């Protein structure tokens, strides 16, 4: 019962993170929410026993990709003030 509840909570949080990442207007916030999504996927993969996939998701998805996206966003020059 506890494991099913954990899986359900992770899946619900995944859906919420995906919707928030698509709906948010600020690119930096979207990048951080995408990192949260990747971390939740990492937890889900680890719980299913795919530790190698979970490790790859943590390093590439939640780590390197987020750093690259945030660095790119911080180096952008915005033309409008909105």
Protein backbone atom coordinates (compact mmCIF):
# COMPACT_ATOMS: atom_id res chain seq x y z
CA UNK A 1 0.00 0.00 0.00
CA UNK A 2 2.79 2.44 0.85
CA UNK A 3 4.66 1.84 -2.40
CA UNK A 4 1.53 2.37 -4.49
CA UNK A 5 0.85 5.63 -2.67
CA UNK A 6 4.44 6.76 -3.32
CA UNK A 7 4.13 5.95 -7.04
CA UNK A 8 0.81 7.76 -7.26
CA UNK A 9 2.20 10.87 -5.55
CA UNK A 10 5.25 10.92 -7.84
CA UNK A 11 3.07 10.55 -10.93
CA UNK A 12 0.73 13.33 -9.81
CA UNK A 13 3.67 15.61 -9.11
CA UNK A 14 5.07 14.76 -12.56
CA UNK A 15 1.85 15.84 -14.23
CA UNK A 16 1.71 19.05 -12.19
CA UNK A 17 5.36 19.86 -12.97
CA UNK A 18 4.80 19.25 -16.68
CA UNK A 19 1.75 21.51 -16.78
CA UNK A 20 3.50 24.25 -14.80
CA UNK A 21 6.58 24.08 -17.04
CA UNK A 22 4.37 24.55 -20.10
CA UNK A 23 2.20 27.32 -18.66
CA UNK A 24 4.73 29.54 -16.90
CA UNK A 25 5.82 32.68 -18.79
CA UNK A 26 9.26 33.16 -17.23
CA UNK A 27 11.97 31.06 -18.89
CA UNK A 28 14.10 30.77 -15.75
CA UNK A 29 11.15 29.45 -13.76
CA UNK A 30 10.35 26.99 -16.55
CA UNK A 31 13.94 25.71 -16.44
CA UNK A 32 13.78 25.16 -12.69
CA UNK A 33 10.42 23.38 -12.98
CA UNK A 34 11.90 21.23 -15.74
CA UNK A 35 14.73 20.30 -13.34
CA UNK A 36 12.13 19.30 -10.75
CA UNK A 37 10.40 17.18 -13.39
CA UNK A 38 13.69 15.44 -14.21
CA UNK A 39 14.39 14.81 -10.54
CA UNK A 40 10.93 13.30 -10.07
CA UNK A 41 11.57 11.06 -13.07
CA UNK A 42 14.84 10.05 -11.44
CA UNK A 43 12.97 9.02 -8.30
CA UNK A 44 10.47 7.05 -10.33
CA UNK A 45 13.17 5.20 -12.29
CA UNK A 46 15.03 4.38 -9.07
CA UNK A 47 11.87 3.07 -7.43
CA UNK A 48 11.23 0.81 -10.44
CA UNK A 49 14.71 -0.68 -10.06
CA UNK A 50 16.36 0.97 -13.06
CA UNK A 51 19.17 2.56 -11.08
CA UNK A 52 21.39 3.14 -14.12
CA UNK A 53 18.60 5.03 -15.91
CA UNK A 54 17.85 6.97 -12.72
CA UNK A 55 21.50 7.98 -12.39
CA UNK A 56 21.62 9.10 -16.02
CA UNK A 57 18.39 11.09 -15.61
CA UNK A 58 19.77 12.77 -12.50
CA UNK A 59 23.07 13.76 -14.07
CA UNK A 60 21.87 14.73 -17.54
CA UNK A 61 18.25 15.75 -16.98
CA UNK A 62 18.34 17.46 -13.61
CA UNK A 63 22.00 18.43 -13.67
CA UNK A 64 23.73 19.30 -16.91
CA UNK A 65 20.63 20.29 -18.92
CA UNK A 66 19.42 22.62 -16.20
CA UNK A 67 22.79 24.32 -15.87
CA UNK A 68 23.02 24.81 -19.64
CA UNK A 69 19.46 26.17 -19.88
CA UNK A 70 19.91 28.58 -16.96
CA UNK A 71 23.27 29.79 -18.31
CA UNK A 72 21.71 30.36 -21.72
CA UNK A 73 18.73 32.23 -20.29
CA UNK A 74 20.97 34.45 -18.17
CA UNK A 75 23.04 35.36 -21.25
CA UNK A 76 20.00 36.34 -23.36
CA UNK A 77 19.39 39.99 -24.15
CA UNK A 78 15.69 40.87 -23.98
CA UNK A 79 14.30 43.42 -26.40
CA UNK A 80 11.06 44.09 -24.54
CA UNK A 81 10.44 44.84 -20.89
CA UNK A 82 7.58 42.37 -20.39
